[in-house]
Each structure stands twice: as C-alpha cells, then as structure tokens.
N, C-alpha and C. Protein backbone atom coordinates (compact mmCIF):
# COMPACT_ATOMS: atom_id res chain seq x y z
N MET A 1 -154.53 -26.00 22.06
CA MET A 1 -155.98 -25.98 21.59
C MET A 1 -156.19 -26.95 20.52
N GLY A 2 -157.17 -27.85 20.77
CA GLY A 2 -157.31 -28.93 19.77
C GLY A 2 -158.72 -28.79 19.22
N LYS A 3 -159.15 -29.77 18.48
CA LYS A 3 -160.39 -29.83 17.75
C LYS A 3 -161.60 -29.36 18.62
N ASN A 4 -161.64 -29.86 19.82
CA ASN A 4 -162.84 -29.58 20.74
C ASN A 4 -162.89 -28.08 21.01
N GLU A 5 -161.63 -27.54 21.39
CA GLU A 5 -161.62 -26.16 21.76
C GLU A 5 -161.95 -25.24 20.61
N ILE A 6 -161.58 -25.62 19.44
CA ILE A 6 -161.84 -24.84 18.17
C ILE A 6 -163.37 -24.91 18.00
N GLU A 7 -164.00 -26.05 18.13
CA GLU A 7 -165.44 -26.11 17.91
C GLU A 7 -166.22 -25.33 18.86
N VAL A 8 -165.68 -25.35 20.19
CA VAL A 8 -166.41 -24.62 21.30
C VAL A 8 -166.26 -23.06 20.96
N TYR A 9 -165.13 -22.60 20.50
CA TYR A 9 -164.88 -21.21 20.21
C TYR A 9 -165.77 -20.80 19.05
N LEU A 10 -165.81 -21.57 18.02
CA LEU A 10 -166.66 -21.21 16.83
C LEU A 10 -168.19 -21.35 17.13
N SER A 11 -168.54 -22.24 17.97
CA SER A 11 -169.91 -22.37 18.37
C SER A 11 -170.27 -21.12 19.25
N HIS A 12 -169.36 -20.69 20.01
CA HIS A 12 -169.58 -19.47 20.90
C HIS A 12 -169.84 -18.25 20.03
N LEU A 13 -169.08 -18.18 18.90
CA LEU A 13 -169.30 -17.04 17.99
C LEU A 13 -170.71 -17.04 17.48
N ALA A 14 -171.16 -18.26 17.12
CA ALA A 14 -172.50 -18.33 16.51
C ALA A 14 -173.66 -18.23 17.62
N THR A 15 -173.42 -18.61 18.77
CA THR A 15 -174.54 -18.63 19.64
C THR A 15 -174.66 -17.39 20.57
N LYS A 16 -173.39 -17.04 21.11
CA LYS A 16 -173.30 -15.96 22.05
C LYS A 16 -173.03 -14.62 21.47
N ALA A 17 -172.03 -14.60 20.51
CA ALA A 17 -171.61 -13.40 19.82
C ALA A 17 -172.54 -12.98 18.77
N ASN A 18 -173.41 -13.88 18.25
CA ASN A 18 -174.34 -13.61 17.15
C ASN A 18 -173.65 -13.15 15.85
N VAL A 19 -172.60 -13.69 15.43
CA VAL A 19 -171.86 -13.23 14.35
C VAL A 19 -172.55 -13.96 13.12
N LEU A 20 -172.27 -13.35 11.90
CA LEU A 20 -172.86 -13.80 10.70
C LEU A 20 -172.21 -15.07 10.30
N ALA A 21 -172.76 -15.94 9.45
CA ALA A 21 -172.20 -17.10 8.97
C ALA A 21 -170.82 -16.96 8.39
N SER A 22 -170.81 -15.76 7.51
CA SER A 22 -169.56 -15.53 6.81
C SER A 22 -168.44 -15.18 7.75
N THR A 23 -168.73 -14.50 8.94
CA THR A 23 -167.67 -14.18 9.92
C THR A 23 -167.21 -15.41 10.65
N GLN A 24 -168.14 -16.34 10.96
CA GLN A 24 -167.76 -17.57 11.48
C GLN A 24 -166.85 -18.46 10.70
N LYS A 25 -167.19 -18.39 9.34
CA LYS A 25 -166.44 -19.17 8.41
C LYS A 25 -165.13 -18.61 8.23
N GLN A 26 -164.93 -17.25 8.29
CA GLN A 26 -163.65 -16.64 8.20
C GLN A 26 -162.82 -16.95 9.45
N ALA A 27 -163.38 -16.95 10.53
CA ALA A 27 -162.68 -17.32 11.74
C ALA A 27 -162.19 -18.86 11.74
N MET A 28 -162.99 -19.65 11.27
CA MET A 28 -162.60 -21.09 11.13
C MET A 28 -161.47 -21.15 10.21
N ASN A 29 -161.57 -20.54 9.09
CA ASN A 29 -160.44 -20.57 8.00
C ASN A 29 -159.21 -20.03 8.57
N SER A 30 -159.30 -18.95 9.26
CA SER A 30 -158.07 -18.27 9.94
C SER A 30 -157.38 -19.26 10.90
N ILE A 31 -158.18 -19.79 11.77
CA ILE A 31 -157.64 -20.82 12.74
C ILE A 31 -157.07 -21.94 11.97
N LEU A 32 -157.60 -22.53 11.08
CA LEU A 32 -157.17 -23.62 10.28
C LEU A 32 -155.70 -23.17 9.56
N PHE A 33 -155.77 -21.99 9.11
CA PHE A 33 -154.55 -21.47 8.35
C PHE A 33 -153.46 -21.30 9.32
N LEU A 34 -153.71 -20.74 10.53
CA LEU A 34 -152.79 -20.58 11.58
C LEU A 34 -152.22 -22.00 11.93
N TYR A 35 -152.93 -22.96 12.13
CA TYR A 35 -152.48 -24.24 12.52
C TYR A 35 -151.53 -24.88 11.47
N ARG A 36 -152.10 -24.86 10.24
CA ARG A 36 -151.52 -25.56 9.06
C ARG A 36 -150.26 -24.89 8.64
N GLU A 37 -150.33 -23.52 8.46
CA GLU A 37 -149.11 -22.88 7.80
C GLU A 37 -148.20 -22.25 8.74
N VAL A 38 -148.67 -21.80 9.87
CA VAL A 38 -147.74 -21.07 10.87
C VAL A 38 -147.32 -21.98 12.02
N LEU A 39 -148.15 -22.77 12.61
CA LEU A 39 -147.81 -23.62 13.69
C LEU A 39 -147.30 -25.00 13.15
N ASP A 40 -147.66 -25.31 11.88
CA ASP A 40 -147.31 -26.63 11.33
C ASP A 40 -147.83 -27.72 12.14
N ILE A 41 -149.09 -27.57 12.61
CA ILE A 41 -149.83 -28.67 13.25
C ILE A 41 -151.00 -29.04 12.53
N PRO A 42 -151.02 -30.15 11.96
CA PRO A 42 -152.23 -30.56 11.17
C PRO A 42 -153.42 -30.86 12.03
N ILE A 43 -154.60 -30.40 11.60
CA ILE A 43 -155.82 -30.82 12.15
C ILE A 43 -156.54 -31.84 11.29
N GLU A 44 -156.50 -33.03 11.47
CA GLU A 44 -156.98 -34.15 10.63
C GLU A 44 -158.50 -34.33 10.80
N GLU A 45 -159.03 -34.09 11.93
CA GLU A 45 -160.48 -34.26 12.12
C GLU A 45 -161.28 -33.15 11.52
N THR A 46 -162.49 -33.49 11.23
CA THR A 46 -163.48 -32.52 10.72
C THR A 46 -163.96 -31.70 11.84
N ILE A 47 -163.99 -30.31 11.66
CA ILE A 47 -164.40 -29.49 12.74
C ILE A 47 -165.86 -29.07 12.40
N ALA A 48 -166.82 -29.35 13.30
CA ALA A 48 -168.23 -29.18 13.07
C ALA A 48 -168.87 -28.26 14.22
N PRO A 49 -168.65 -26.99 14.15
CA PRO A 49 -169.22 -26.16 15.19
C PRO A 49 -170.77 -25.86 14.85
N VAL A 50 -171.40 -25.38 15.92
CA VAL A 50 -172.78 -24.97 15.74
C VAL A 50 -172.77 -23.82 14.64
N LYS A 51 -173.60 -23.90 13.63
CA LYS A 51 -173.52 -22.93 12.54
C LYS A 51 -174.25 -21.64 12.87
N SER A 52 -173.75 -20.55 12.41
CA SER A 52 -174.55 -19.30 12.54
C SER A 52 -175.72 -19.31 11.56
N LYS A 53 -176.72 -18.66 12.08
CA LYS A 53 -177.90 -18.58 11.19
C LYS A 53 -177.72 -17.45 10.19
N LYS A 54 -178.32 -17.64 9.06
CA LYS A 54 -178.26 -16.61 7.99
C LYS A 54 -179.33 -15.63 8.33
N PRO A 55 -179.01 -14.37 8.24
CA PRO A 55 -180.04 -13.33 8.62
C PRO A 55 -181.11 -13.29 7.61
N ARG A 56 -182.32 -12.99 7.97
CA ARG A 56 -183.38 -12.95 7.16
C ARG A 56 -183.74 -11.54 6.84
N HIS A 57 -183.45 -11.21 5.60
CA HIS A 57 -183.70 -9.80 5.14
C HIS A 57 -185.05 -9.68 4.44
N LEU A 58 -185.82 -8.77 4.93
CA LEU A 58 -187.12 -8.48 4.23
C LEU A 58 -186.87 -7.32 3.38
N PRO A 59 -187.40 -7.46 2.13
CA PRO A 59 -187.26 -6.32 1.18
C PRO A 59 -187.99 -5.03 1.73
N VAL A 60 -187.34 -3.89 1.41
CA VAL A 60 -187.95 -2.65 1.82
C VAL A 60 -188.72 -2.15 0.60
N VAL A 61 -190.10 -2.01 0.68
CA VAL A 61 -190.86 -1.62 -0.36
C VAL A 61 -191.75 -0.35 0.19
N MET A 62 -191.82 0.53 -0.77
CA MET A 62 -192.66 1.70 -0.44
C MET A 62 -194.11 1.44 -0.69
N THR A 63 -195.08 1.95 0.05
CA THR A 63 -196.46 1.82 -0.32
C THR A 63 -196.77 2.80 -1.39
N GLN A 64 -197.91 2.63 -2.09
CA GLN A 64 -198.37 3.56 -3.01
C GLN A 64 -198.43 4.98 -2.56
N ASN A 65 -199.08 5.17 -1.29
CA ASN A 65 -199.20 6.43 -0.66
C ASN A 65 -197.83 7.10 -0.44
N GLU A 66 -196.86 6.32 0.02
CA GLU A 66 -195.47 6.84 0.27
C GLU A 66 -194.90 7.32 -1.17
N VAL A 67 -195.02 6.59 -2.16
CA VAL A 67 -194.57 6.99 -3.45
C VAL A 67 -195.24 8.27 -3.93
N LYS A 68 -196.52 8.30 -3.68
CA LYS A 68 -197.27 9.61 -4.14
C LYS A 68 -196.78 10.77 -3.25
N MET A 69 -196.40 10.65 -1.97
CA MET A 69 -196.06 11.64 -1.18
C MET A 69 -194.61 12.20 -1.60
N VAL A 70 -193.77 11.24 -2.03
CA VAL A 70 -192.45 11.63 -2.65
C VAL A 70 -192.61 12.40 -3.85
N LEU A 71 -193.52 11.89 -4.77
CA LEU A 71 -193.65 12.46 -6.07
C LEU A 71 -194.20 13.90 -6.00
N VAL A 72 -195.16 14.06 -5.07
CA VAL A 72 -195.81 15.37 -4.90
C VAL A 72 -194.83 16.42 -4.40
N ASN A 73 -193.89 15.96 -3.64
CA ASN A 73 -192.94 16.92 -3.06
C ASN A 73 -191.64 17.19 -3.91
N LEU A 74 -191.64 16.58 -5.14
CA LEU A 74 -190.52 16.88 -6.15
C LEU A 74 -191.13 17.92 -7.05
N TYR A 75 -190.11 18.69 -7.64
CA TYR A 75 -190.57 19.64 -8.65
C TYR A 75 -189.58 19.61 -9.82
N GLY A 76 -190.11 20.10 -10.92
CA GLY A 76 -189.31 20.30 -12.17
C GLY A 76 -188.74 18.97 -12.65
N ILE A 77 -187.50 19.09 -13.03
CA ILE A 77 -186.81 17.83 -13.74
C ILE A 77 -186.78 16.79 -12.79
N HIS A 78 -186.52 16.97 -11.48
CA HIS A 78 -186.48 15.83 -10.57
C HIS A 78 -187.84 15.01 -10.45
N ARG A 79 -188.93 15.72 -10.58
CA ARG A 79 -190.21 15.04 -10.55
C ARG A 79 -190.34 14.23 -11.85
N ILE A 80 -190.00 14.77 -13.00
CA ILE A 80 -190.03 14.05 -14.20
C ILE A 80 -189.28 12.80 -14.27
N ILE A 81 -188.05 12.89 -13.73
CA ILE A 81 -187.16 11.85 -13.69
C ILE A 81 -187.77 10.74 -12.73
N ALA A 82 -188.12 11.05 -11.50
CA ALA A 82 -188.74 10.11 -10.63
C ALA A 82 -189.89 9.32 -11.19
N LYS A 83 -190.76 10.18 -11.86
CA LYS A 83 -191.93 9.53 -12.55
C LYS A 83 -191.61 8.56 -13.61
N LEU A 84 -190.55 8.92 -14.42
CA LEU A 84 -190.15 8.04 -15.43
C LEU A 84 -189.58 6.74 -14.86
N ILE A 85 -188.70 6.91 -13.85
CA ILE A 85 -188.11 5.69 -13.17
C ILE A 85 -189.27 4.77 -12.62
N TYR A 86 -190.15 5.43 -11.88
CA TYR A 86 -191.15 4.68 -11.26
C TYR A 86 -192.04 4.00 -12.32
N GLY A 87 -192.35 4.66 -13.27
CA GLY A 87 -193.19 4.13 -14.34
C GLY A 87 -192.51 2.97 -15.13
N SER A 88 -191.26 3.18 -15.28
CA SER A 88 -190.41 2.10 -16.01
C SER A 88 -190.34 0.87 -15.21
N VAL A 89 -190.26 1.08 -13.91
CA VAL A 89 -190.11 -0.21 -13.00
C VAL A 89 -191.54 -0.85 -13.02
N LEU A 90 -192.56 -0.25 -13.02
CA LEU A 90 -193.94 -0.82 -13.05
C LEU A 90 -194.11 -1.54 -14.35
N CYS A 91 -193.68 -0.94 -15.41
CA CYS A 91 -193.67 -1.60 -16.76
C CYS A 91 -192.96 -2.87 -16.74
N LEU A 92 -191.69 -2.85 -16.19
CA LEU A 92 -190.90 -4.04 -16.21
C LEU A 92 -191.55 -5.14 -15.35
N MET A 93 -192.19 -4.72 -14.21
CA MET A 93 -192.76 -5.74 -13.39
C MET A 93 -193.96 -6.47 -14.21
N ASN A 94 -194.62 -5.65 -14.90
CA ASN A 94 -195.82 -6.30 -15.59
C ASN A 94 -195.36 -7.15 -16.71
N ILE A 95 -194.25 -6.89 -17.39
CA ILE A 95 -193.67 -7.63 -18.39
C ILE A 95 -193.26 -8.95 -17.94
N SER A 96 -192.46 -9.01 -16.83
CA SER A 96 -191.89 -10.16 -16.27
C SER A 96 -192.89 -11.00 -15.58
N ALA A 97 -194.03 -10.57 -15.12
CA ALA A 97 -194.93 -11.31 -14.40
C ALA A 97 -195.77 -12.33 -15.20
C-alpha cells in the first residue's frame, strides 16, 4: 500500500463513511505511525486525501414560551433556583451586549 492507496482509503472515510475530520486525521496519523515506526517504510510524499467536512452544529435555544412552561411546572426551591439562574443569564447577556 503506497501513497495513492492511503489517499483513496482516507478519502473513502470522508466521502462514503462520513466520518468526522478528527476521525479521518486520527486514521491518517495511525497509518503514518504504522509505516514509520512499525514497518520502517518512510512515506516521503505528502498525503492529501479529500477532507472530511466539519459538522455544523446549531445552538439549542429554548423559546420564551418553553422557558415559561418549565418554570410554571417547577415548585418550591427548584423554581427559585431556576428563576435565579435564568435571570442571571439574561443579566449577563445584557451586560456583554
């Protein structure tokens, strides 16, 4: 297995297996370690596979109505704590804005 086969395998991980960029990078480093340290076969050429795309994470935010529903269903000390935390976060958001 040479440079081309390694690139094909790593590109397959990105395109067909849909692995994360960190997984693809770990696979590449593992293969390079295997060749360099175990098999004692240097790979002089630069390996440039198709890169995995970084996942796009959208933040999870509760609407005001959802927050009200949660607060209405809490009682006693739990309600007080939740209101304090929620109010504190709103305060911090206004200060930093």
